[in-house]
Amino acid sequence: CLMVCSVLSPLPIRSQMFAAEENVDFRIHVENQTRARDDVSRKQLRLYQLYSRTSGKHIQVLGRRISAKGEDGDKYAQLLVETDTFGSQVRIKGKETDFYLCMNRKGKLVGK
């Protein structure tokens, strides 16, 4: 009995520790870190083209409409990718139209 009791006694303590960790909400910490900018953080802009393997062409932002029929070097296929070094936010915008690449509730790509 002594051996079984000593093995079983740590279990309730472990389950309490796991329960406490599961209830922790890190969203507030992430929001604070995202808002807080320091001297090292900066916005980066890069020009890309996104290739669609399905269509074999490039993604185009044509205003509110998104197409996967762009040729290499097409002005509507040039996308500005904006990133913050801290905060892990990425924004993709059509260089020609200034519309952002977004996704609606159904998962369809749209420009806004």
PDB file of N, CA and C in Angstrom:
ATOM      1  N   CYS A   1       0.828  -1.206   0.000  1.00  0.00           N
ATOM      2  CA  CYS A   1       0.000   0.000   0.000  1.00  0.00           C
ATOM      3  C   CYS A   1       0.865   1.260   0.000  1.00  0.00           C
ATOM      4  N   LEU A   2       1.955   1.243   0.661  1.00  0.00           N
ATOM      5  CA  LEU A   2       2.815   2.406   0.696  1.00  0.00           C
ATOM      6  C   LEU A   2       3.336   2.757  -0.694  1.00  0.00           C
ATOM      7  N   MET A   3       3.679   1.759  -1.459  1.00  0.00           N
ATOM      8  CA  MET A   3       4.207   2.014  -2.786  1.00  0.00           C
ATOM      9  C   MET A   3       3.117   2.573  -3.703  1.00  0.00           C
ATOM     10  N   VAL A   4       1.939   2.022  -3.659  1.00  0.00           N
ATOM     11  CA  VAL A   4       0.839   2.497  -4.501  1.00  0.00           C
ATOM     12  C   VAL A   4       0.433   3.906  -4.095  1.00  0.00           C
ATOM     13  N   CYS A   5       0.347   4.180  -2.812  1.00  0.00           N
ATOM     14  CA  CYS A   5      -0.042   5.508  -2.349  1.00  0.00           C
ATOM     15  C   CYS A   5       0.980   6.556  -2.757  1.00  0.00           C
ATOM     16  N   SER A   6       2.255   6.234  -2.684  1.00  0.00           N
ATOM     17  CA  SER A   6       3.262   7.222  -3.058  1.00  0.00           C
ATOM     18  C   SER A   6       3.232   7.481  -4.565  1.00  0.00           C
ATOM     19  N   VAL A   7       2.871   6.497  -5.365  1.00  0.00           N
ATOM     20  CA  VAL A   7       2.780   6.693  -6.809  1.00  0.00           C
ATOM     21  C   VAL A   7       1.538   7.499  -7.157  1.00  0.00           C
ATOM     22  N   LEU A   8       0.436   7.267  -6.461  1.00  0.00           N
ATOM     23  CA  LEU A   8      -0.820   7.933  -6.786  1.00  0.00           C
ATOM     24  C   LEU A   8      -0.924   9.336  -6.207  1.00  0.00           C
ATOM     25  N   SER A   9      -0.199   9.657  -5.163  1.00  0.00           N
ATOM     26  CA  SER A   9      -0.347  10.963  -4.537  1.00  0.00           C
ATOM     27  C   SER A   9       0.027  12.137  -5.450  1.00  0.00           C
ATOM     28  N   PRO A  10       1.032  12.050  -6.331  1.00  0.00           N
ATOM     29  CA  PRO A  10       1.329  13.203  -7.183  1.00  0.00           C
ATOM     30  C   PRO A  10       0.273  13.484  -8.254  1.00  0.00           C
ATOM     31  N   LEU A  11      -0.572  12.538  -8.603  1.00  0.00           N
ATOM     32  CA  LEU A  11      -1.531  12.724  -9.696  1.00  0.00           C
ATOM     33  C   LEU A  11      -2.478  13.904  -9.495  1.00  0.00           C
ATOM     34  N   PRO A  12      -3.116  14.056  -8.317  1.00  0.00           N
ATOM     35  CA  PRO A  12      -4.001  15.216  -8.169  1.00  0.00           C
ATOM     36  C   PRO A  12      -3.257  16.548  -8.303  1.00  0.00           C
ATOM     37  N   ILE A  13      -2.022  16.592  -7.842  1.00  0.00           N
ATOM     38  CA  ILE A  13      -1.256  17.831  -7.950  1.00  0.00           C
ATOM     39  C   ILE A  13      -0.983  18.147  -9.414  1.00  0.00           C
ATOM     40  N   ARG A  14      -0.604  17.145 -10.203  1.00  0.00           N
ATOM     41  CA  ARG A  14      -0.339  17.360 -11.624  1.00  0.00           C
ATOM     42  C   ARG A  14      -1.589  17.829 -12.352  1.00  0.00           C
ATOM     43  N   SER A  15      -2.723  17.207 -12.067  1.00  0.00           N
ATOM     44  CA  SER A  15      -3.941  17.607 -12.764  1.00  0.00           C
ATOM     45  C   SER A  15      -4.327  19.049 -12.425  1.00  0.00           C
ATOM     46  N   GLN A  16      -4.028  19.478 -11.193  1.00  0.00           N
ATOM     47  CA  GLN A  16      -4.306  20.864 -10.836  1.00  0.00           C
ATOM     48  C   GLN A  16      -3.385  21.802 -11.591  1.00  0.00           C
ATOM     49  N   MET A  17      -2.118  21.429 -11.765  1.00  0.00           N
ATOM     50  CA  MET A  17      -1.187  22.275 -12.491  1.00  0.00           C
ATOM     51  C   MET A  17      -1.599  22.397 -13.952  1.00  0.00           C
ATOM     52  N   PHE A  18      -1.996  21.281 -14.568  1.00  0.00           N
ATOM     53  CA  PHE A  18      -2.416  21.326 -15.961  1.00  0.00           C
ATOM     54  C   PHE A  18      -3.688  22.152 -16.124  1.00  0.00           C
ATOM     55  N   ALA A  19      -4.616  22.010 -15.170  1.00  0.00           N
ATOM     56  CA  ALA A  19      -5.853  22.774 -15.249  1.00  0.00           C
ATOM     57  C   ALA A  19      -5.561  24.267 -15.172  1.00  0.00           C
ATOM     58  N   ALA A  20      -4.614  24.656 -14.328  1.00  0.00           N
ATOM     59  CA  ALA A  20      -4.264  26.073 -14.210  1.00  0.00           C
ATOM     60  C   ALA A  20      -3.643  26.574 -15.509  1.00  0.00           C
ATOM     61  N   GLU A  21      -2.802  25.772 -16.155  1.00  0.00           N
ATOM     62  CA  GLU A  21      -2.175  26.180 -17.407  1.00  0.00           C
ATOM     63  C   GLU A  21      -3.182  26.277 -18.543  1.00  0.00           C
ATOM     64  N   GLU A  22      -4.181  25.403 -18.554  1.00  0.00           N
ATOM     65  CA  GLU A  22      -5.180  25.429 -19.617  1.00  0.00           C
ATOM     66  C   GLU A  22      -6.058  26.671 -19.551  1.00  0.00           C
ATOM     67  N   ASN A  23      -6.258  27.233 -18.372  1.00  0.00           N
ATOM     68  CA  ASN A  23      -7.131  28.383 -18.212  1.00  0.00           C
ATOM     69  C   ASN A  23      -6.426  29.711 -18.480  1.00  0.00           C
ATOM     70  N   VAL A  24      -5.140  29.690 -18.757  1.00  0.00           N
ATOM     71  CA  VAL A  24      -4.387  30.913 -18.995  1.00  0.00           C
ATOM     72  C   VAL A  24      -4.764  31.456 -20.372  1.00  0.00           C
ATOM     73  N   ASP A  25      -5.048  32.741 -20.430  1.00  0.00           N
ATOM     74  CA  ASP A  25      -5.415  33.394 -21.684  1.00  0.00           C
ATOM     75  C   ASP A  25      -4.262  34.298 -22.111  1.00  0.00           C
ATOM     76  N   PHE A  26      -3.590  33.919 -23.185  1.00  0.00           N
ATOM     77  CA  PHE A  26      -2.433  34.664 -23.652  1.00  0.00           C
ATOM     78  C   PHE A  26      -2.810  35.780 -24.628  1.00  0.00           C
ATOM     79  N   ARG A  27      -4.082  35.907 -24.950  1.00  0.00           N
ATOM     80  CA  ARG A  27      -4.487  36.927 -25.923  1.00  0.00           C
ATOM     81  C   ARG A  27      -4.120  38.333 -25.473  1.00  0.00           C
ATOM     82  N   ILE A  28      -4.285  38.631 -24.202  1.00  0.00           N
ATOM     83  CA  ILE A  28      -3.963  39.965 -23.683  1.00  0.00           C
ATOM     84  C   ILE A  28      -2.471  40.227 -23.821  1.00  0.00           C
ATOM     85  N   HIS A  29      -1.653  39.225 -23.488  1.00  0.00           N
ATOM     86  CA  HIS A  29      -0.202  39.369 -23.626  1.00  0.00           C
ATOM     87  C   HIS A  29       0.176  39.607 -25.092  1.00  0.00           C
ATOM     88  N   VAL A  30      -0.402  38.841 -25.993  1.00  0.00           N
ATOM     89  CA  VAL A  30      -0.093  38.986 -27.421  1.00  0.00           C
ATOM     90  C   VAL A  30      -0.523  40.361 -27.920  1.00  0.00           C
ATOM     91  N   GLU A  31      -1.711  40.814 -27.520  1.00  0.00           N
ATOM     92  CA  GLU A  31      -2.187  42.139 -27.935  1.00  0.00           C
ATOM     93  C   GLU A  31      -1.258  43.233 -27.426  1.00  0.00           C
ATOM     94  N   ASN A  32      -0.828  43.137 -26.180  1.00  0.00           N
ATOM     95  CA  ASN A  32       0.087  44.139 -25.625  1.00  0.00           C
ATOM     96  C   ASN A  32       1.420  44.135 -26.355  1.00  0.00           C
ATOM     97  N   GLN A  33       1.936  42.963 -26.662  1.00  0.00           N
ATOM     98  CA  GLN A  33       3.208  42.872 -27.371  1.00  0.00           C
ATOM     99  C   GLN A  33       3.072  43.373 -28.803  1.00  0.00           C
ATOM    100  N   THR A  34       1.922  43.141 -29.407  1.00  0.00           N
ATOM    101  CA  THR A  34       1.694  43.600 -30.780  1.00  0.00           C
ATOM    102  C   THR A  34       1.614  45.115 -30.831  1.00  0.00           C
ATOM    103  N   ARG A  35       0.934  45.710 -29.852  1.00  0.00           N
ATOM    104  CA  ARG A  35       0.800  47.168 -29.825  1.00  0.00           C
ATOM    105  C   ARG A  35       2.108  47.860 -29.472  1.00  0.00           C
ATOM    106  N   ALA A  36       2.856  47.237 -28.579  1.00  0.00           N
ATOM    107  CA  ALA A  36       4.083  47.872 -28.090  1.00  0.00           C
ATOM    108  C   ALA A  36       5.162  47.801 -29.169  1.00  0.00           C
ATOM    109  N   ARG A  37       5.617  48.928 -29.597  1.00  0.00           N
ATOM    110  CA  ARG A  37       6.710  49.009 -30.567  1.00  0.00           C
ATOM    111  C   ARG A  37       7.941  49.510 -29.845  1.00  0.00           C
ATOM    112  N   ASP A  38       9.058  48.907 -30.143  1.00  0.00           N
ATOM    113  CA  ASP A  38      10.294  49.442 -29.600  1.00  0.00           C
ATOM    114  C   ASP A  38      11.170  49.922 -30.753  1.00  0.00           C
ATOM    115  N   ASP A  39      12.352  50.371 -30.430  1.00  0.00           N
ATOM    116  CA  ASP A  39      13.232  50.954 -31.433  1.00  0.00           C
ATOM    117  C   ASP A  39      13.691  49.959 -32.483  1.00  0.00           C
ATOM    118  N   VAL A  40      13.667  48.666 -32.167  1.00  0.00           N
ATOM    119  CA  VAL A  40      14.140  47.647 -33.098  1.00  0.00           C
ATOM    120  C   VAL A  40      13.058  47.269 -34.111  1.00  0.00           C
ATOM    121  N   SER A  41      11.792  47.377 -33.718  1.00  0.00           N
ATOM    122  CA  SER A  41      10.688  46.977 -34.580  1.00  0.00           C
ATOM    123  C   SER A  41      10.513  47.958 -35.731  1.00  0.00           C
ATOM    124  N   ARG A  42      10.269  47.424 -36.921  1.00  0.00           N
ATOM    125  CA  ARG A  42      10.034  48.280 -38.079  1.00  0.00           C
ATOM    126  C   ARG A  42       9.174  47.549 -39.091  1.00  0.00           C
ATOM    127  N   LYS A  43       8.509  48.312 -39.919  1.00  0.00           N
ATOM    128  CA  LYS A  43       7.678  47.751 -40.970  1.00  0.00           C
ATOM    129  C   LYS A  43       8.558  47.442 -42.176  1.00  0.00           C
ATOM    130  N   GLN A  44       8.333  46.284 -42.776  1.00  0.00           N
ATOM    131  CA  GLN A  44       9.065  45.914 -43.977  1.00  0.00           C
ATOM    132  C   GLN A  44       8.091  45.781 -45.133  1.00  0.00           C
ATOM    133  N   LEU A  45       8.450  46.350 -46.269  1.00  0.00           N
ATOM    134  CA  LEU A  45       7.646  46.247 -47.486  1.00  0.00           C
ATOM    135  C   LEU A  45       8.454  45.496 -48.531  1.00  0.00           C
ATOM    136  N   ARG A  46       7.853  44.496 -49.122  1.00  0.00           N
ATOM    137  CA  ARG A  46       8.514  43.743 -50.180  1.00  0.00           C
ATOM    138  C   ARG A  46       7.523  43.496 -51.302  1.00  0.00           C
ATOM    139  N   LEU A  47       8.027  43.434 -52.505  1.00  0.00           N
ATOM    140  CA  LEU A  47       7.203  43.211 -53.690  1.00  0.00           C
ATOM    141  C   LEU A  47       7.325  41.746 -54.102  1.00  0.00           C
ATOM    142  N   TYR A  48       6.181  41.064 -54.216  1.00  0.00           N
ATOM    143  CA  TYR A  48       6.151  39.649 -54.570  1.00  0.00           C
ATOM    144  C   TYR A  48       5.104  39.404 -55.647  1.00  0.00           C
ATOM    145  N   GLN A  49       5.169  38.203 -56.202  1.00  0.00           N
ATOM    146  CA  GLN A  49       4.093  37.653 -57.013  1.00  0.00           C
ATOM    147  C   GLN A  49       3.761  36.300 -56.389  1.00  0.00           C
ATOM    148  N   LEU A  50       2.475  36.027 -56.200  1.00  0.00           N
ATOM    149  CA  LEU A  50       2.067  34.738 -55.657  1.00  0.00           C
ATOM    150  C   LEU A  50       1.666  33.825 -56.806  1.00  0.00           C
ATOM    151  N   TYR A  51       2.258  32.660 -56.848  1.00  0.00           N
ATOM    152  CA  TYR A  51       1.997  31.699 -57.913  1.00  0.00           C
ATOM    153  C   TYR A  51       0.947  30.701 -57.447  1.00  0.00           C
ATOM    154  N   SER A  52      -0.029  30.421 -58.314  1.00  0.00           N
ATOM    155  CA  SER A  52      -1.057  29.432 -58.021  1.00  0.00           C
ATOM    156  C   SER A  52      -0.717  28.138 -58.759  1.00  0.00           C
ATOM    157  N   ARG A  53      -0.496  27.074 -58.018  1.00  0.00           N
ATOM    158  CA  ARG A  53      -0.219  25.786 -58.663  1.00  0.00           C
ATOM    159  C   ARG A  53      -1.459  25.251 -59.370  1.00  0.00           C
ATOM    160  N   THR A  54      -2.631  25.607 -58.887  1.00  0.00           N
ATOM    161  CA  THR A  54      -3.862  25.123 -59.481  1.00  0.00           C
ATOM    162  C   THR A  54      -4.038  25.642 -60.902  1.00  0.00           C
ATOM    163  N   SER A  55      -3.850  26.947 -61.091  1.00  0.00           N
ATOM    164  CA  SER A  55      -4.048  27.536 -62.413  1.00  0.00           C
ATOM    165  C   SER A  55      -2.755  27.627 -63.225  1.00  0.00           C
ATOM    166  N   GLY A  56      -1.631  27.532 -62.555  1.00  0.00           N
ATOM    167  CA  GLY A  56      -0.358  27.681 -63.245  1.00  0.00           C
ATOM    168  C   GLY A  56      -0.044  29.128 -63.602  1.00  0.00           C
ATOM    169  N   LYS A  57      -0.745  30.059 -62.970  1.00  0.00           N
ATOM    170  CA  LYS A  57      -0.566  31.497 -63.217  1.00  0.00           C
ATOM    171  C   LYS A  57      -0.352  32.199 -61.882  1.00  0.00           C
ATOM    172  N   HIS A  58      -0.292  33.532 -61.926  1.00  0.00           N
ATOM    173  CA  HIS A  58      -0.075  34.328 -60.722  1.00  0.00           C
ATOM    174  C   HIS A  58      -1.385  34.933 -60.223  1.00  0.00           C
ATOM    175  N   ILE A  59      -1.439  35.180 -58.896  1.00  0.00           N
ATOM    176  CA  ILE A  59      -2.615  35.801 -58.269  1.00  0.00           C
ATOM    177  C   ILE A  59      -2.636  37.277 -58.643  1.00  0.00           C
ATOM    178  N   GLN A  60      -3.814  37.760 -59.036  1.00  0.00           N
ATOM    179  CA  GLN A  60      -4.011  39.167 -59.374  1.00  0.00           C
ATOM    180  C   GLN A  60      -5.035  39.780 -58.432  1.00  0.00           C
ATOM    181  N   VAL A  61      -4.780  41.010 -57.991  1.00  0.00           N
ATOM    182  CA  VAL A  61      -5.757  41.775 -57.214  1.00  0.00           C
ATOM    183  C   VAL A  61      -6.314  42.816 -58.162  1.00  0.00           C
ATOM    184  N   LEU A  62      -7.547  42.589 -58.618  1.00  0.00           N
ATOM    185  CA  LEU A  62      -8.191  43.452 -59.611  1.00  0.00           C
ATOM    186  C   LEU A  62      -9.240  44.343 -58.956  1.00  0.00           C
ATOM    187  N   GLY A  63      -8.971  44.853 -57.796  1.00  0.00           N
ATOM    188  CA  GLY A  63      -9.976  45.597 -57.031  1.00  0.00           C
ATOM    189  C   GLY A  63     -10.636  44.615 -56.085  1.00  0.00           C
ATOM    190  N   ARG A  64     -11.953  44.564 -56.087  1.00  0.00           N
ATOM    191  CA  ARG A  64     -12.664  43.633 -55.211  1.00  0.00           C
ATOM    192  C   ARG A  64     -12.553  42.188 -55.690  1.00  0.00           C
ATOM    193  N   ARG A  65     -12.214  42.009 -56.941  1.00  0.00           N
ATOM    194  CA  ARG A  65     -12.122  40.671 -57.525  1.00  0.00           C
ATOM    195  C   ARG A  65     -10.676  40.186 -57.510  1.00  0.00           C
ATOM    196  N   ILE A  66     -10.494  38.913 -57.143  1.00  0.00           N
ATOM    197  CA  ILE A  66      -9.184  38.277 -57.129  1.00  0.00           C
ATOM    198  C   ILE A  66      -9.186  37.202 -58.210  1.00  0.00           C
ATOM    199  N   SER A  67      -8.107  37.157 -58.982  1.00  0.00           N
ATOM    200  CA  SER A  67      -8.008  36.203 -60.072  1.00  0.00           C
ATOM    201  C   SER A  67      -6.684  35.459 -59.958  1.00  0.00           C
ATOM    202  N   ALA A  68      -6.672  34.232 -60.447  1.00  0.00           N
ATOM    203  CA  ALA A  68      -5.435  33.447 -60.491  1.00  0.00           C
ATOM    204  C   ALA A  68      -5.052  33.199 -61.948  1.00  0.00           C
ATOM    205  N   LYS A  69      -5.153  34.252 -62.772  1.00  0.00           N
ATOM    206  CA  LYS A  69      -4.877  34.123 -64.198  1.00  0.00           C
ATOM    207  C   LYS A  69      -3.830  35.112 -64.680  1.00  0.00           C
ATOM    208  N   GLY A  70      -3.033  35.655 -63.764  1.00  0.00           N
ATOM    209  CA  GLY A  70      -2.048  36.675 -64.121  1.00  0.00           C
ATOM    210  C   GLY A  70      -0.783  36.088 -64.713  1.00  0.00           C
ATOM    211  N   GLU A  71      -0.257  36.782 -65.698  1.00  0.00           N
ATOM    212  CA  GLU A  71       1.007  36.391 -66.304  1.00  0.00           C
ATOM    213  C   GLU A  71       2.164  36.916 -65.459  1.00  0.00           C
ATOM    214  N   ASP A  72       3.339  36.336 -65.645  1.00  0.00           N
ATOM    215  CA  ASP A  72       4.529  36.768 -64.927  1.00  0.00           C
ATOM    216  C   ASP A  72       4.843  38.220 -65.289  1.00  0.00           C
ATOM    217  N   GLY A  73       4.961  39.092 -64.279  1.00  0.00           N
ATOM    218  CA  GLY A  73       5.266  40.500 -64.498  1.00  0.00           C
ATOM    219  C   GLY A  73       4.056  41.380 -64.724  1.00  0.00           C
ATOM    220  N   ASP A  74       2.848  40.827 -64.746  1.00  0.00           N
ATOM    221  CA  ASP A  74       1.623  41.610 -64.928  1.00  0.00           C
ATOM    222  C   ASP A  74       1.502  42.640 -63.809  1.00  0.00           C
ATOM    223  N   LYS A  75       1.052  43.851 -64.128  1.00  0.00           N
ATOM    224  CA  LYS A  75       0.998  44.914 -63.109  1.00  0.00           C
ATOM    225  C   LYS A  75       0.013  44.595 -61.988  1.00  0.00           C
ATOM    226  N   TYR A  76      -1.037  43.844 -62.268  1.00  0.00           N
ATOM    227  CA  TYR A  76      -2.003  43.484 -61.224  1.00  0.00           C
ATOM    228  C   TYR A  76      -1.532  42.290 -60.384  1.00  0.00           C
ATOM    229  N   ALA A  77      -0.508  41.586 -60.844  1.00  0.00           N
ATOM    230  CA  ALA A  77       0.037  40.450 -60.103  1.00  0.00           C
ATOM    231  C   ALA A  77       1.147  40.874 -59.142  1.00  0.00           C
ATOM    232  N   GLN A  78       1.529  42.147 -59.170  1.00  0.00           N
ATOM    233  CA  GLN A  78       2.560  42.624 -58.249  1.00  0.00           C
ATOM    234  C   GLN A  78       1.909  42.967 -56.911  1.00  0.00           C
ATOM    235  N   LEU A  79       2.353  42.276 -55.877  1.00  0.00           N
ATOM    236  CA  LEU A  79       1.746  42.406 -54.554  1.00  0.00           C
ATOM    237  C   LEU A  79       2.756  42.932 -53.557  1.00  0.00           C
ATOM    238  N   LEU A  80       2.335  43.927 -52.785  1.00  0.00           N
ATOM    239  CA  LEU A  80       3.157  44.456 -51.693  1.00  0.00           C
ATOM    240  C   LEU A  80       2.839  43.659 -50.431  1.00  0.00           C
ATOM    241  N   VAL A  81       3.856  43.070 -49.838  1.00  0.00           N
ATOM    242  CA  VAL A  81       3.688  42.323 -48.600  1.00  0.00           C
ATOM    243  C   VAL A  81       4.270  43.171 -47.482  1.00  0.00           C
ATOM    244  N   GLU A  82       3.422  43.578 -46.545  1.00  0.00           N
ATOM    245  CA  GLU A  82       3.819  44.407 -45.411  1.00  0.00           C
ATOM    246  C   GLU A  82       3.913  43.517 -44.181  1.00  0.00           C
ATOM    247  N   THR A  83       5.057  43.559 -43.500  1.00  0.00           N
ATOM    248  CA  THR A  83       5.219  42.792 -42.270  1.00  0.00           C
ATOM    249  C   THR A  83       5.805  43.684 -41.191  1.00  0.00           C
ATOM    250  N   ASP A  84       5.500  43.366 -39.964  1.00  0.00           N
ATOM    251  CA  ASP A  84       6.116  44.003 -38.809  1.00  0.00           C
ATOM    252  C   ASP A  84       7.111  43.014 -38.228  1.00  0.00           C
ATOM    253  N   THR A  85       8.278  43.483 -37.842  1.00  0.00           N
ATOM    254  CA  THR A  85       9.275  42.570 -37.316  1.00  0.00           C
ATOM    255  C   THR A  85       8.824  41.966 -35.998  1.00  0.00           C
ATOM    256  N   PHE A  86       8.047  42.700 -35.198  1.00  0.00           N
ATOM    257  CA  PHE A  86       7.461  42.155 -33.979  1.00  0.00           C
ATOM    258  C   PHE A  86       5.957  42.340 -34.084  1.00  0.00           C
ATOM    259  N   GLY A  87       5.217  41.275 -33.812  1.00  0.00           N
ATOM    260  CA  GLY A  87       3.771  41.357 -33.883  1.00  0.00           C
ATOM    261  C   GLY A  87       3.177  40.354 -34.840  1.00  0.00           C
ATOM    262  N   SER A  88       3.977  39.791 -35.694  1.00  0.00           N
ATOM    263  CA  SER A  88       3.592  38.718 -36.616  1.00  0.00           C
ATOM    264  C   SER A  88       2.334  39.032 -37.424  1.00  0.00           C
ATOM    265  N   GLN A  89       2.202  40.243 -37.891  1.00  0.00           N
ATOM    266  CA  GLN A  89       1.096  40.605 -38.770  1.00  0.00           C
ATOM    267  C   GLN A  89       1.611  40.713 -40.188  1.00  0.00           C
ATOM    268  N   VAL A  90       0.852  40.165 -41.122  1.00  0.00           N
ATOM    269  CA  VAL A  90       1.211  40.219 -42.531  1.00  0.00           C
ATOM    270  C   VAL A  90       0.012  40.776 -43.290  1.00  0.00           C
ATOM    271  N   ARG A  91       0.279  41.740 -44.154  1.00  0.00           N
ATOM    272  CA  ARG A  91      -0.766  42.322 -44.989  1.00  0.00           C
ATOM    273  C   ARG A  91      -0.302  42.238 -46.439  1.00  0.00           C
ATOM    274  N   ILE A  92      -1.187  41.780 -47.319  1.00  0.00           N
ATOM    275  CA  ILE A  92      -0.858  41.662 -48.736  1.00  0.00           C
ATOM    276  C   ILE A  92      -1.778  42.596 -49.505  1.00  0.00           C
ATOM    277  N   LYS A  93      -1.173  43.477 -50.294  1.00  0.00           N
ATOM    278  CA  LYS A  93      -1.933  44.506 -51.002  1.00  0.00           C
ATOM    279  C   LYS A  93      -1.506  44.524 -52.468  1.00  0.00           C
ATOM    280  N   GLY A  94      -2.470  44.689 -53.363  1.00  0.00           N
ATOM    281  CA  GLY A  94      -2.152  44.844 -54.777  1.00  0.00           C
ATOM    282  C   GLY A  94      -1.477  46.184 -55.009  1.00  0.00           C
ATOM    283  N   LYS A  95      -0.315  46.176 -55.657  1.00  0.00           N
ATOM    284  CA  LYS A  95       0.438  47.419 -55.857  1.00  0.00           C
ATOM    285  C   LYS A  95      -0.342  48.385 -56.741  1.00  0.00           C
ATOM    286  N   GLU A  96      -0.982  47.905 -57.774  1.00  0.00           N
ATOM    287  CA  GLU A  96      -1.682  48.753 -58.730  1.00  0.00           C
ATOM    288  C   GLU A  96      -3.013  49.279 -58.187  1.00  0.00           C
ATOM    289  N   THR A  97      -3.755  48.431 -57.468  1.00  0.00           N
ATOM    290  CA  THR A  97      -5.116  48.790 -57.051  1.00  0.00           C
ATOM    291  C   THR A  97      -5.222  49.292 -55.618  1.00  0.00           C
ATOM    292  N   ASP A  98      -4.206  49.055 -54.782  1.00  0.00           N
ATOM    293  CA  ASP A  98      -4.247  49.394 -53.347  1.00  0.00           C
ATOM    294  C   ASP A  98      -5.350  48.658 -52.593  1.00  0.00           C
ATOM    295  N   PHE A  99      -5.825  47.537 -53.116  1.00  0.00           N
ATOM    296  CA  PHE A  99      -6.790  46.703 -52.408  1.00  0.00           C
ATOM    297  C   PHE A  99      -6.034  45.586 -51.706  1.00  0.00           C
ATOM    298  N   TYR A 100      -6.465  45.283 -50.469  1.00  0.00           N
ATOM    299  CA  TYR A 100      -5.829  44.221 -49.704  1.00  0.00           C
ATOM    300  C   TYR A 100      -6.422  42.870 -50.070  1.00  0.00           C
ATOM    301  N   LEU A 101      -5.589  41.846 -50.026  1.00  0.00           N
ATOM    302  CA  LEU A 101      -6.015  40.469 -50.254  1.00  0.00           C
ATOM    303  C   LEU A 101      -6.621  39.958 -48.956  1.00  0.00           C
ATOM    304  N   CYS A 102      -7.914  39.650 -48.977  1.00  0.00           N
ATOM    305  CA  CYS A 102      -8.637  39.227 -47.778  1.00  0.00           C
ATOM    306  C   CYS A 102      -9.376  37.926 -48.066  1.00  0.00           C
ATOM    307  N   MET A 103      -9.965  37.369 -47.018  1.00  0.00           N
ATOM    308  CA  MET A 103     -10.743  36.150 -47.157  1.00  0.00           C
ATOM    309  C   MET A 103     -12.097  36.379 -46.498  1.00  0.00           C
ATOM    310  N   ASN A 104     -13.157  36.018 -47.213  1.00  0.00           N
ATOM    311  CA  ASN A 104     -14.490  36.181 -46.624  1.00  0.00           C
ATOM    312  C   ASN A 104     -14.814  34.995 -45.718  1.00  0.00           C
ATOM    313  N   ARG A 105     -15.992  34.986 -45.153  1.00  0.00           N
ATOM    314  CA  ARG A 105     -16.362  33.925 -44.184  1.00  0.00           C
ATOM    315  C   ARG A 105     -16.397  32.551 -44.816  1.00  0.00           C
ATOM    316  N   LYS A 106     -16.636  32.481 -46.102  1.00  0.00           N
ATOM    317  CA  LYS A 106     -16.682  31.190 -46.787  1.00  0.00           C
ATOM    318  C   LYS A 106     -15.300  30.715 -47.226  1.00  0.00           C
ATOM    319  N   GLY A 107     -14.268  31.541 -47.015  1.00  0.00           N
ATOM    320  CA  GLY A 107     -12.918  31.162 -47.384  1.00  0.00           C
ATOM    321  C   GLY A 107     -12.517  31.580 -48.783  1.00  0.00           C
ATOM    322  N   LYS A 108     -13.351  32.383 -49.435  1.00  0.00           N
ATOM    323  CA  LYS A 108     -13.051  32.853 -50.781  1.00  0.00           C
ATOM    324  C   LYS A 108     -12.183  34.125 -50.692  1.00  0.00           C
ATOM    325  N   LEU A 109     -11.194  34.235 -51.577  1.00  0.00           N
ATOM    326  CA  LEU A 109     -10.345  35.431 -51.598  1.00  0.00           C
ATOM    327  C   LEU A 109     -11.097  36.596 -52.210  1.00  0.00           C
ATOM    328  N   VAL A 110     -11.020  37.758 -51.549  1.00  0.00           N
ATOM    329  CA  VAL A 110     -11.671  38.973 -52.020  1.00  0.00           C
ATOM    330  C   VAL A 110     -10.722  40.149 -51.788  1.00  0.00           C
ATOM    331  N   GLY A 111     -10.927  41.232 -52.514  1.00  0.00           N
ATOM    332  CA  GLY A 111     -10.150  42.449 -52.320  1.00  0.00           C
ATOM    333  C   GLY A 111     -10.942  43.459 -51.520  1.00  0.00           C
ATOM    334  N   LYS A 112     -10.287  44.104 -50.589  1.00  0.00           N
ATOM    335  CA  LYS A 112     -10.953  45.136 -49.767  1.00  0.00           C
ATOM    336  C   LYS A 112     -10.006  46.305 -49.605  1.00  0.00           C
TER     337      LYS A 112
END
